[in-house]
């Protein structure tokens, strides 16, 4: 899985892991913070939440344009500095008045712009590693590894957000609302770690950073041949078609931080027991990840020593899980944001599985093209919301008002099994693995050399539009029956998949 990859991949992936850990720690509690701290309705909270996500993914277009002129590395460094300023501002508890709201919005703007300079350009640098013919056939697997690294940071984020908030409340005596800011402060520390990793290992990827001189020459660092105007047009049109489709995936997928979190807060059981409760301890999930990776190593390693080590890791991890099961006592409390750990867990655990499957298909000459994988991903996402729709028949209407403690007024008896959301996130993750890393790889491969930064920015603009449409979940929450809310997301994913298949010949022509 990791063999034959350029060394720069791991350095860039780790730098991104730190930044993503801070970002997802914030996102895990942000929607609940908006309702609790400012007393906002689900619709208004959803509008702010989705607008922030939109800016986070829109600004990479501007960052890409600037990078095409000034260099990718320079923009990555500048982005980290700007993000740090935004998170630092967000970490200060100003209260819940108008001034506090304005300060928060200013912080969100800084975070969004800084992420725009950092995120897309770092991924272009990853793609540039594979312009070397020696690594060209490793591009898709490389982006799968990179995407997995992002989710390692995201895996620990919900637990960190909850634990730090609880610590601020119980140990430091902060109010529930002010304690949220300690979760936001984690991002500042994670950015310091990211920039340290970036510069310590910079020698492994410095050649991908570009610069003003390279930009003037049309990114001369690339070894790709110059394209004709017609070829350039075909590639840009194909990319725009893909961008149009992924809008609706992100609209549905990023309900994880909004309507799906509201569902966890209002309808899902607050406690768990037995084997099910073990899923809410992130370290148990880490042990499962060790078992998965050691299992692959056991069968793929070429030396007896490596096989023995892999077997020992599996046995130790299994023993720890069994031991932790037998020392379970009573019920495990479940906080709504914790469900957001399951998506990154599945991404990390299932990445080697998906790579093995597609590797096997590739060896037989049957691997689907990147556009076809994206279309399949849309169908899988529709299945996830079909499950939510069927499971929500008969449930009461959601609540739209909150009390002084930040809880929905007249909250329902929360008795829906946590397994519903755990299963939904599993299905959504299958869709994500088909769509997101493959989409990024497709953009890095198809984008005309002169417009790599801009086209990667275009991918993020599509994501931004989808994120802005996340607000639909907030607007539907409490306005329509729950099953109809999920049916909307199921429907848009199906329509997007049908459109993707209709355009498949044109898309595969440029692959």
Protein backbone atom coordinates (compact mmCIF):
# COMPACT_ATOMS: atom_id res chain seq x y z
CA UNK A 1 0.00 0.00 0.00
CA UNK A 2 2.73 2.43 0.99
CA UNK A 3 5.49 1.01 -1.17
CA UNK A 4 6.76 2.96 -4.16
CA UNK A 5 5.27 6.27 -3.07
CA UNK A 6 7.33 9.50 -3.17
CA UNK A 7 8.68 10.54 0.22
CA UNK A 8 7.12 13.97 -0.09
CA UNK A 9 3.65 12.41 0.06
CA UNK A 10 4.01 11.43 3.71
CA UNK A 11 5.36 14.82 4.76
CA UNK A 12 2.55 16.70 3.02
CA UNK A 13 -0.03 14.26 4.35
CA UNK A 14 1.16 14.72 7.94
CA UNK A 15 1.19 18.50 7.59
CA UNK A 16 -2.40 18.31 6.42
CA UNK A 17 -3.35 15.91 9.24
CA UNK A 18 -2.48 18.48 11.89
CA UNK A 19 -4.46 21.24 10.21
CA UNK A 20 -7.48 18.98 9.67
CA UNK A 21 -7.46 17.85 13.31
CA UNK A 22 -7.92 21.44 14.45
CA UNK A 23 -10.55 22.16 11.81
CA UNK A 24 -12.69 19.12 12.61
CA UNK A 25 -12.38 19.72 16.36
CA UNK A 26 -14.04 23.05 15.75
CA UNK A 27 -16.62 21.68 13.31
CA UNK A 28 -17.65 18.88 15.69
CA UNK A 29 -19.31 21.32 18.10
CA UNK A 30 -19.79 24.43 15.96
CA UNK A 31 -23.47 23.97 15.02
CA UNK A 32 -24.43 23.21 18.63
CA UNK A 33 -22.35 26.20 19.79
CA UNK A 34 -24.26 28.53 17.47
CA UNK A 35 -27.60 27.47 18.92
CA UNK A 36 -26.45 27.39 22.55
CA UNK A 37 -24.33 30.57 22.66
CA UNK A 38 -26.45 32.86 20.49
CA UNK A 39 -29.89 31.24 20.86
CA UNK A 40 -30.23 30.82 17.09
CA UNK A 41 -32.92 28.79 15.36
CA UNK A 42 -31.84 25.72 13.35
CA UNK A 43 -32.36 27.67 10.11
CA UNK A 44 -30.16 30.61 11.12
CA UNK A 45 -27.54 28.35 12.68
CA UNK A 46 -27.58 26.26 9.53
CA UNK A 47 -27.12 29.35 7.35
CA UNK A 48 -24.05 30.47 9.31
CA UNK A 49 -22.65 26.94 9.42
CA UNK A 50 -23.13 26.31 5.71
CA UNK A 51 -21.84 29.76 4.77
CA UNK A 52 -18.65 29.11 6.70
CA UNK A 53 -18.20 25.77 4.96
CA UNK A 54 -18.85 27.51 1.66
CA UNK A 55 -16.10 30.07 2.27
CA UNK A 56 -13.68 27.34 3.40
CA UNK A 57 -14.10 25.65 0.04
CA UNK A 58 -14.62 28.72 -2.15
CA UNK A 59 -11.42 30.53 -1.24
CA UNK A 60 -9.19 27.74 -2.68
CA UNK A 61 -10.15 29.15 -6.09
CA UNK A 62 -8.55 32.46 -5.15
CA UNK A 63 -5.70 30.60 -3.48
CA UNK A 64 -5.15 28.57 -6.64
CA UNK A 65 -5.09 31.65 -8.86
CA UNK A 66 -2.56 33.31 -6.54
CA UNK A 67 -0.48 30.13 -6.43
CA UNK A 68 -0.36 29.89 -10.22
CA UNK A 69 1.29 33.31 -10.07
CA UNK A 70 3.36 33.25 -6.88
CA UNK A 71 3.90 29.56 -6.11
CA UNK A 72 2.07 26.88 -4.15
CA UNK A 73 4.50 26.72 -1.22
CA UNK A 74 4.29 30.44 -0.49
CA UNK A 75 0.49 30.31 -0.38
CA UNK A 76 0.50 27.27 1.93
CA UNK A 77 2.67 29.07 4.48
CA UNK A 78 0.62 32.27 4.27
CA UNK A 79 -2.56 30.25 4.69
CA UNK A 80 -1.41 28.69 7.94
CA UNK A 81 -0.61 32.12 9.38
CA UNK A 82 -4.00 33.56 8.42
CA UNK A 83 -5.83 30.50 9.77
CA UNK A 84 -3.96 30.78 13.06
CA UNK A 85 -5.16 34.35 13.48
CA UNK A 86 -8.76 33.28 12.85
CA UNK A 87 -8.73 30.37 15.28
CA UNK A 88 -7.03 32.51 17.91
CA UNK A 89 -9.83 35.08 17.61
CA UNK A 90 -12.49 32.38 17.79
CA UNK A 91 -10.91 30.98 20.96
CA UNK A 92 -11.70 34.10 22.97
CA UNK A 93 -15.07 33.94 24.81
CA UNK A 94 -16.75 37.28 24.07
CA UNK A 95 -20.21 36.15 25.21
CA UNK A 96 -23.40 35.98 23.18
CA UNK A 97 -24.17 39.59 22.25
CA UNK A 98 -23.95 41.36 18.89
CA UNK A 99 -20.26 42.22 19.31
CA UNK A 100 -19.45 38.58 19.99
CA UNK A 101 -21.35 37.57 16.86
CA UNK A 102 -19.42 40.09 14.74
CA UNK A 103 -16.07 38.91 16.16
CA UNK A 104 -17.03 35.32 15.46
CA UNK A 105 -17.95 36.12 11.86
CA UNK A 106 -14.62 37.92 11.38
CA UNK A 107 -12.79 34.88 12.76
CA UNK A 108 -14.69 32.62 10.38
CA UNK A 109 -13.71 34.82 7.45
CA UNK A 110 -10.02 34.59 8.37
CA UNK A 111 -10.22 30.82 8.83
CA UNK A 112 -11.99 30.45 5.49
CA UNK A 113 -9.49 32.58 3.58
CA UNK A 114 -6.48 30.95 5.24
CA UNK A 115 -7.84 27.49 4.46
CA UNK A 116 -8.33 28.61 0.87
CA UNK A 117 -4.64 29.46 0.58
CA UNK A 118 -3.56 26.24 2.29
CA UNK A 119 -5.84 23.35 1.39
CA UNK A 120 -6.07 23.31 -2.40
CA UNK A 121 -2.46 24.29 -2.99
CA UNK A 122 -1.16 21.56 -0.70
CA UNK A 123 -3.15 19.05 -2.75
CA UNK A 124 -1.75 20.45 -6.00
CA UNK A 125 1.72 19.87 -4.58
CA UNK A 126 0.75 16.28 -3.85
CA UNK A 127 -0.40 15.91 -7.46
CA UNK A 128 2.86 17.43 -8.71
CA UNK A 129 4.78 14.63 -7.02
CA UNK A 130 3.23 12.25 -9.52
CA UNK A 131 4.19 14.23 -12.62
CA UNK A 132 7.43 12.26 -12.37
CA UNK A 133 6.94 9.26 -14.70
CA UNK A 134 8.44 7.03 -12.00
CA UNK A 135 5.39 7.64 -9.81
CA UNK A 136 2.70 8.23 -12.44
CA UNK A 137 0.90 4.91 -11.88
CA UNK A 138 0.75 5.55 -8.12
CA UNK A 139 -1.36 8.72 -8.37
CA UNK A 140 -4.76 7.28 -7.33
CA UNK A 141 -3.29 5.23 -4.48
CA UNK A 142 -1.24 8.24 -3.38
CA UNK A 143 -4.33 10.41 -3.09
CA UNK A 144 -6.10 7.63 -1.20
CA UNK A 145 -3.24 7.61 1.33
CA UNK A 146 -3.33 11.41 1.50
CA UNK A 147 -7.08 11.35 2.06
CA UNK A 148 -6.67 8.73 4.76
CA UNK A 149 -4.18 10.96 6.57
CA UNK A 150 -6.70 13.81 6.58
CA UNK A 151 -9.15 11.55 8.35
CA UNK A 152 -6.67 10.44 10.98
CA UNK A 153 -6.83 14.00 12.24
CA UNK A 154 -10.60 14.07 11.93
CA UNK A 155 -10.94 10.76 13.83
CA UNK A 156 -9.72 12.20 17.12
CA UNK A 157 -11.38 15.60 16.69
CA UNK A 158 -14.88 14.90 18.11
CA UNK A 159 -13.47 13.23 21.22
CA UNK A 160 -11.00 16.08 21.70
CA UNK A 161 -13.75 18.68 21.30
CA UNK A 162 -16.02 17.00 23.84
CA UNK A 163 -13.33 16.20 26.41
CA UNK A 164 -11.77 19.66 26.32
CA UNK A 165 -15.19 21.30 26.67
CA UNK A 166 -16.02 19.05 29.64
CA UNK A 167 -12.65 19.80 31.23
CA UNK A 168 -13.21 23.55 30.92
CA UNK A 169 -16.61 23.18 32.58
CA UNK A 170 -15.69 20.84 35.43
CA UNK A 171 -12.08 21.75 36.20
CA UNK A 172 -11.97 25.44 35.30
CA UNK A 173 -15.58 26.33 36.13
CA UNK A 174 -16.47 27.90 32.79
CA UNK A 175 -20.08 28.03 31.70
CA UNK A 176 -21.31 25.59 29.09
CA UNK A 177 -21.26 28.25 26.38
CA UNK A 178 -17.81 29.68 27.20
CA UNK A 179 -16.34 26.17 27.40
CA UNK A 180 -16.85 25.72 23.66
CA UNK A 181 -14.02 28.19 23.01
CA UNK A 182 -11.49 25.81 24.53
CA UNK A 183 -12.39 23.31 21.82
CA UNK A 184 -11.74 25.99 19.21
CA UNK A 185 -8.34 26.77 20.74
CA UNK A 186 -7.12 23.27 19.86
CA UNK A 187 -6.86 24.37 16.23
CA UNK A 188 -4.18 26.92 17.13
CA UNK A 189 -1.93 24.23 18.59
CA UNK A 190 -2.54 21.87 15.67
CA UNK A 191 -1.50 24.55 13.16
CA UNK A 192 1.81 25.02 14.97
CA UNK A 193 2.39 21.29 14.56
CA UNK A 194 1.48 21.44 10.86
CA UNK A 195 3.88 24.23 9.99
CA UNK A 196 6.65 22.48 11.95
CA UNK A 197 6.16 19.26 9.97
CA UNK A 198 6.01 21.21 6.72
CA UNK A 199 9.37 22.92 7.19
CA UNK A 200 11.20 20.02 8.84
CA UNK A 201 10.51 17.75 5.85
CA UNK A 202 10.39 20.41 3.17
CA UNK A 203 13.37 18.97 1.31
CA UNK A 204 11.26 15.98 0.22
CA UNK A 205 8.77 18.09 -1.74
CA UNK A 206 10.40 21.48 -2.32
CA UNK A 207 10.45 20.83 -6.07
CA UNK A 208 6.63 20.83 -6.11
CA UNK A 209 6.22 24.27 -4.51
CA UNK A 210 6.58 26.26 -7.71
CA UNK A 211 7.27 29.97 -7.64
CA UNK A 212 6.93 33.18 -9.54
CA UNK A 213 9.55 32.14 -12.09
CA UNK A 214 7.82 28.83 -12.75
CA UNK A 215 4.43 30.52 -13.00
CA UNK A 216 5.64 32.96 -15.61
CA UNK A 217 6.87 30.05 -17.69
CA UNK A 218 3.53 28.31 -17.39
CA UNK A 219 4.52 26.07 -14.49
CA UNK A 220 7.66 24.89 -16.21
CA UNK A 221 8.31 22.41 -13.43
CA UNK A 222 5.73 20.16 -15.02
CA UNK A 223 6.93 17.54 -17.49
CA UNK A 224 3.58 17.38 -19.27
CA UNK A 225 3.46 18.38 -22.95
CA UNK A 226 1.72 21.58 -23.99
CA UNK A 227 -1.94 21.05 -24.89
CA UNK A 228 -3.75 22.47 -27.89
CA UNK A 229 -6.58 24.93 -27.32
CA UNK A 230 -9.11 22.24 -28.19
CA UNK A 231 -7.59 19.73 -25.77
CA UNK A 232 -7.51 22.36 -23.06
CA UNK A 233 -11.17 23.18 -23.68
CA UNK A 234 -12.19 19.50 -23.58
CA UNK A 235 -10.43 18.99 -20.26
CA UNK A 236 -11.92 22.09 -18.67
CA UNK A 237 -15.42 21.18 -19.85
CA UNK A 238 -15.03 17.65 -18.44
CA UNK A 239 -13.85 19.01 -15.12
CA UNK A 240 -16.76 21.45 -14.94
CA UNK A 241 -19.21 18.58 -15.50
CA UNK A 242 -17.67 16.71 -12.59
CA UNK A 243 -17.76 19.87 -10.47
CA UNK A 244 -21.49 20.23 -11.17
CA UNK A 245 -22.17 16.72 -9.89
CA UNK A 246 -20.10 16.81 -6.70
CA UNK A 247 -22.01 19.90 -5.55
CA UNK A 248 -24.90 17.65 -4.59
CA UNK A 249 -22.74 15.05 -2.89
CA UNK A 250 -21.30 17.62 -0.50
CA UNK A 251 -24.74 19.13 0.06
CA UNK A 252 -25.84 15.73 1.36
CA UNK A 253 -22.59 14.56 2.94
CA UNK A 254 -21.95 17.59 5.13
CA UNK A 255 -25.27 17.19 6.87
CA UNK A 256 -23.06 15.26 9.30
CA UNK A 257 -22.32 18.50 11.11
CA UNK A 258 -25.85 19.91 10.86
CA UNK A 259 -29.10 17.94 10.47
CA UNK A 260 -27.50 14.58 11.30
CA UNK A 261 -26.00 16.14 14.44
CA UNK A 262 -29.39 17.65 15.30
CA UNK A 263 -30.87 14.16 14.85
CA UNK A 264 -28.24 12.73 17.20
CA UNK A 265 -29.02 15.47 19.72
CA UNK A 266 -32.81 15.19 19.67
CA UNK A 267 -33.72 11.65 18.68
CA UNK A 268 -30.81 9.30 19.39
CA UNK A 269 -30.37 7.49 22.69
CA UNK A 270 -28.05 9.29 25.11
CA UNK A 271 -26.55 6.15 26.60
CA UNK A 272 -25.22 2.85 25.34
CA UNK A 273 -24.21 -0.47 26.87
CA UNK A 274 -22.25 -3.59 25.96
CA UNK A 275 -20.42 -4.03 22.68
CA UNK A 276 -22.28 -1.08 21.16
CA UNK A 277 -20.89 1.27 23.81
CA UNK A 278 -17.33 0.35 22.89
CA UNK A 279 -17.79 2.12 19.55
CA UNK A 280 -17.90 5.46 21.37
CA UNK A 281 -14.37 5.12 22.74
CA UNK A 282 -12.03 6.41 20.04
CA UNK A 283 -9.18 4.23 21.31
CA UNK A 284 -11.23 1.12 20.61
CA UNK A 285 -11.60 2.34 17.05
CA UNK A 286 -7.84 2.85 16.87
CA UNK A 287 -7.32 -0.76 17.95
CA UNK A 288 -9.63 -1.92 15.15
CA UNK A 289 -7.59 0.15 12.68
CA UNK A 290 -4.41 -1.55 13.92
CA UNK A 291 -6.06 -4.94 13.35
CA UNK A 292 -7.08 -4.01 9.79
CA UNK A 293 -3.65 -2.72 8.78
CA UNK A 294 -1.79 -5.53 10.53
CA UNK A 295 -4.09 -7.99 8.76
CA UNK A 296 -3.12 -6.61 5.37
CA UNK A 297 0.54 -6.63 6.37
CA UNK A 298 0.24 -10.24 7.51
CA UNK A 299 -0.83 -11.37 4.05
CA UNK A 300 1.22 -8.93 1.98
CA UNK A 301 4.57 -8.92 3.79
CA UNK A 302 7.41 -10.74 2.05
CA UNK A 303 9.47 -11.63 5.14
CA UNK A 304 8.72 -13.95 8.03
CA UNK A 305 9.75 -11.28 10.54
CA UNK A 306 7.19 -8.82 9.20
CA UNK A 307 4.48 -11.48 9.28
CA UNK A 308 5.29 -12.34 12.90
CA UNK A 309 5.18 -8.68 13.94
CA UNK A 310 1.84 -8.25 12.18
CA UNK A 311 0.40 -11.31 13.92
CA UNK A 312 1.58 -10.02 17.31
CA UNK A 313 -0.06 -6.63 16.67
CA UNK A 314 -3.35 -8.35 15.81
CA UNK A 315 -3.28 -10.56 18.91
CA UNK A 316 -2.39 -7.67 21.25
CA UNK A 317 -5.11 -5.43 19.79
CA UNK A 318 -7.72 -8.21 20.06
CA UNK A 319 -6.65 -8.93 23.64
CA UNK A 320 -7.00 -5.27 24.59
CA UNK A 321 -10.48 -5.11 23.05
CA UNK A 322 -11.58 -8.23 24.94
CA UNK A 323 -10.13 -6.86 28.18
CA UNK A 324 -11.86 -3.50 27.71
CA UNK A 325 -15.14 -5.31 27.09
CA UNK A 326 -14.95 -7.27 30.34
CA UNK A 327 -14.19 -4.18 32.44
CA UNK A 328 -17.20 -2.29 31.09
CA UNK A 329 -19.41 -0.99 33.88
CA UNK A 330 -22.88 0.48 33.55
CA UNK A 331 -23.87 2.78 30.71
CA UNK A 332 -21.70 4.93 28.47
CA UNK A 333 -22.92 8.49 27.95
CA UNK A 334 -23.30 9.57 24.31
CA UNK A 335 -22.85 13.19 23.24
CA UNK A 336 -24.22 14.21 19.84
CA UNK A 337 -20.90 15.40 18.31
CA UNK A 338 -19.22 12.04 18.99
CA UNK A 339 -21.02 10.48 16.02
CA UNK A 340 -18.80 12.55 13.75
CA UNK A 341 -15.85 10.30 14.63
CA UNK A 342 -17.30 7.38 12.68
CA UNK A 343 -16.83 8.84 9.21
CA UNK A 344 -13.06 9.42 9.58
CA UNK A 345 -12.74 6.07 11.36
CA UNK A 346 -14.33 4.31 8.41
CA UNK A 347 -12.17 6.24 5.95
CA UNK A 348 -8.95 5.23 7.70
CA UNK A 349 -10.04 1.62 8.25
CA UNK A 350 -11.51 1.07 4.79
CA UNK A 351 -8.88 2.83 2.66
CA UNK A 352 -6.62 -0.25 2.41
CA UNK A 353 -9.70 -2.34 1.63
CA UNK A 354 -10.77 -0.06 -1.21
CA UNK A 355 -7.22 0.14 -2.52
CA UNK A 356 -6.95 -3.65 -2.51
CA UNK A 357 -10.25 -4.01 -4.35
CA UNK A 358 -9.39 -1.46 -7.03
CA UNK A 359 -5.85 -2.77 -7.26
CA UNK A 360 -7.20 -6.23 -7.98
CA UNK A 361 -9.60 -4.84 -10.59
CA UNK A 362 -6.78 -2.82 -12.17
CA UNK A 363 -4.64 -5.96 -12.47
CA UNK A 364 -7.49 -7.56 -14.41
CA UNK A 365 -8.04 -4.43 -16.52
CA UNK A 366 -11.49 -3.92 -15.01
CA UNK A 367 -10.96 -0.95 -12.69
CA UNK A 368 -13.70 1.69 -13.18
CA UNK A 369 -12.60 5.12 -14.38
CA UNK A 370 -12.52 8.00 -11.89
CA UNK A 371 -15.76 9.54 -13.31
CA UNK A 372 -17.52 6.18 -13.01
CA UNK A 373 -16.38 5.82 -9.40
CA UNK A 374 -17.79 9.29 -8.69
CA UNK A 375 -21.16 8.28 -10.16
CA UNK A 376 -21.21 5.13 -8.03
CA UNK A 377 -20.41 7.28 -5.00
CA UNK A 378 -23.52 9.37 -5.63
CA UNK A 379 -25.68 6.24 -5.69
CA UNK A 380 -24.17 5.00 -2.43
CA UNK A 381 -24.88 8.36 -0.76
CA UNK A 382 -28.51 8.07 -1.89
CA UNK A 383 -28.71 4.66 -0.21
CA UNK A 384 -27.52 6.19 3.09
CA UNK A 385 -30.32 8.74 3.09
CA UNK A 386 -32.83 6.10 2.01
CA UNK A 387 -31.93 4.28 5.24
CA UNK A 388 -32.47 7.47 7.26
CA UNK A 389 -35.76 8.11 5.48
CA UNK A 390 -37.20 4.65 6.16
CA UNK A 391 -36.01 4.71 9.78
CA UNK A 392 -37.64 8.12 10.40
CA UNK A 393 -41.18 7.13 9.51
CA UNK A 394 -43.34 7.69 12.57
CA UNK A 395 -40.89 9.95 14.43
CA UNK A 396 -42.28 13.30 15.71
CA UNK A 397 -41.41 16.69 14.25
CA UNK A 398 -38.02 18.14 15.32
CA UNK A 399 -37.87 21.10 17.71
CA UNK A 400 -36.81 24.55 16.50
CA UNK A 401 -36.52 26.48 19.79
CA UNK A 402 -33.95 26.08 22.56
CA UNK A 403 -34.01 26.88 26.27
CA UNK A 404 -31.51 28.85 28.35
CA UNK A 405 -29.26 25.80 28.66
CA UNK A 406 -29.00 25.42 24.91
CA UNK A 407 -31.26 22.37 24.69
CA UNK A 408 -34.22 22.06 22.29
CA UNK A 409 -37.48 23.05 23.99
CA UNK A 410 -39.68 20.04 24.59
CA UNK A 411 -36.93 17.62 23.52
CA UNK A 412 -38.29 14.22 22.61
CA UNK A 413 -37.57 11.03 24.48
CA UNK A 414 -34.31 10.08 22.74
CA UNK A 415 -34.62 6.37 22.05
CA UNK A 416 -33.51 5.79 18.45
CA UNK A 417 -30.68 3.26 18.43
CA UNK A 418 -27.22 4.78 17.87
CA UNK A 419 -26.64 2.02 15.33
CA UNK A 420 -28.78 3.93 12.83
CA UNK A 421 -26.33 6.82 12.60
CA UNK A 422 -23.33 4.49 12.87
CA UNK A 423 -24.64 2.55 9.88
CA UNK A 424 -25.55 5.70 7.95
CA UNK A 425 -22.03 7.06 8.35
CA UNK A 426 -20.64 3.73 7.14
CA UNK A 427 -22.65 3.92 3.93
CA UNK A 428 -21.83 7.60 3.41
CA UNK A 429 -18.15 6.78 3.84
CA UNK A 430 -18.30 4.17 1.08
CA UNK A 431 -19.67 6.91 -1.15
CA UNK A 432 -17.01 9.36 -0.02
CA UNK A 433 -14.18 6.93 -0.76
CA UNK A 434 -15.53 6.46 -4.27
CA UNK A 435 -15.94 10.17 -4.88
CA UNK A 436 -13.59 12.44 -2.98
CA UNK A 437 -10.04 11.03 -3.33
CA UNK A 438 -10.83 9.89 -6.86
CA UNK A 439 -12.20 13.32 -7.74
CA UNK A 440 -9.09 15.08 -6.45
CA UNK A 441 -6.89 12.63 -8.35
CA UNK A 442 -8.96 13.19 -11.50
CA UNK A 443 -8.53 16.96 -11.25
CA UNK A 444 -4.77 16.73 -10.70
CA UNK A 445 -4.48 14.39 -13.69
CA UNK A 446 -6.81 16.10 -16.19
CA UNK A 447 -6.28 19.79 -15.36
CA UNK A 448 -4.26 21.61 -18.06
CA UNK A 449 -0.75 22.30 -16.68
CA UNK A 450 -1.16 26.08 -16.89
CA UNK A 451 -4.36 25.98 -14.85
CA UNK A 452 -3.67 23.36 -12.20
CA UNK A 453 -4.12 25.74 -9.29
CA UNK A 454 -7.28 27.25 -10.76
CA UNK A 455 -8.82 23.86 -11.59
CA UNK A 456 -8.09 22.46 -8.12
CA UNK A 457 -9.70 25.65 -6.89
CA UNK A 458 -12.67 24.83 -9.12
CA UNK A 459 -13.07 21.49 -7.34
CA UNK A 460 -13.26 23.35 -4.08
CA UNK A 461 -15.69 25.91 -5.47
CA UNK A 462 -18.02 23.04 -6.34
CA UNK A 463 -17.56 21.79 -2.79
CA UNK A 464 -18.24 25.33 -1.55
CA UNK A 465 -21.54 25.55 -3.40
CA UNK A 466 -22.52 22.16 -2.03
CA UNK A 467 -21.58 23.34 1.45
CA UNK A 468 -23.69 26.46 1.06
CA UNK A 469 -26.60 24.22 0.14
CA UNK A 470 -26.09 22.38 3.44
CA UNK A 471 -28.33 25.09 4.86
CA UNK A 472 -31.23 23.22 3.28
CA UNK A 473 -30.94 20.75 6.15
CA UNK A 474 -31.35 23.55 8.69
CA UNK A 475 -34.28 25.04 6.79
CA UNK A 476 -36.05 21.68 6.57
CA UNK A 477 -35.39 20.84 10.22
CA UNK A 478 -38.70 21.26 12.02
CA UNK A 479 -40.46 22.55 8.88
CA UNK A 480 -41.24 19.16 7.33
CA UNK A 481 -41.50 15.58 8.62
CA UNK A 482 -38.14 13.96 9.23
CA UNK A 483 -38.55 11.34 6.52
CA UNK A 484 -39.13 14.08 3.94
CA UNK A 485 -35.96 15.90 5.03
CA UNK A 486 -33.88 12.79 4.28
CA UNK A 487 -35.83 12.10 1.08
CA UNK A 488 -34.66 15.45 -0.33
CA UNK A 489 -31.02 14.48 0.04
CA UNK A 490 -31.64 11.02 -1.34
CA UNK A 491 -33.32 12.54 -4.39
CA UNK A 492 -30.60 15.04 -5.28
CA UNK A 493 -27.93 12.32 -5.06
CA UNK A 494 -29.88 10.07 -7.42
CA UNK A 495 -30.46 12.87 -9.94
CA UNK A 496 -26.75 13.77 -9.87
CA UNK A 497 -25.79 10.13 -10.45
CA UNK A 498 -28.10 9.87 -13.46
CA UNK A 499 -26.58 13.05 -14.93
CA UNK A 500 -23.07 11.67 -14.35
CA UNK A 501 -23.82 8.45 -16.22
CA UNK A 502 -25.38 10.43 -19.07
CA UNK A 503 -22.11 12.38 -19.48
CA UNK A 504 -19.82 9.37 -18.95
CA UNK A 505 -18.48 9.04 -22.53
CA UNK A 506 -17.37 12.67 -22.60
CA UNK A 507 -15.75 12.37 -19.18
CA UNK A 508 -13.90 9.15 -19.86
CA UNK A 509 -12.57 10.54 -23.14
CA UNK A 510 -10.12 12.82 -21.30
CA UNK A 511 -9.02 10.26 -18.68
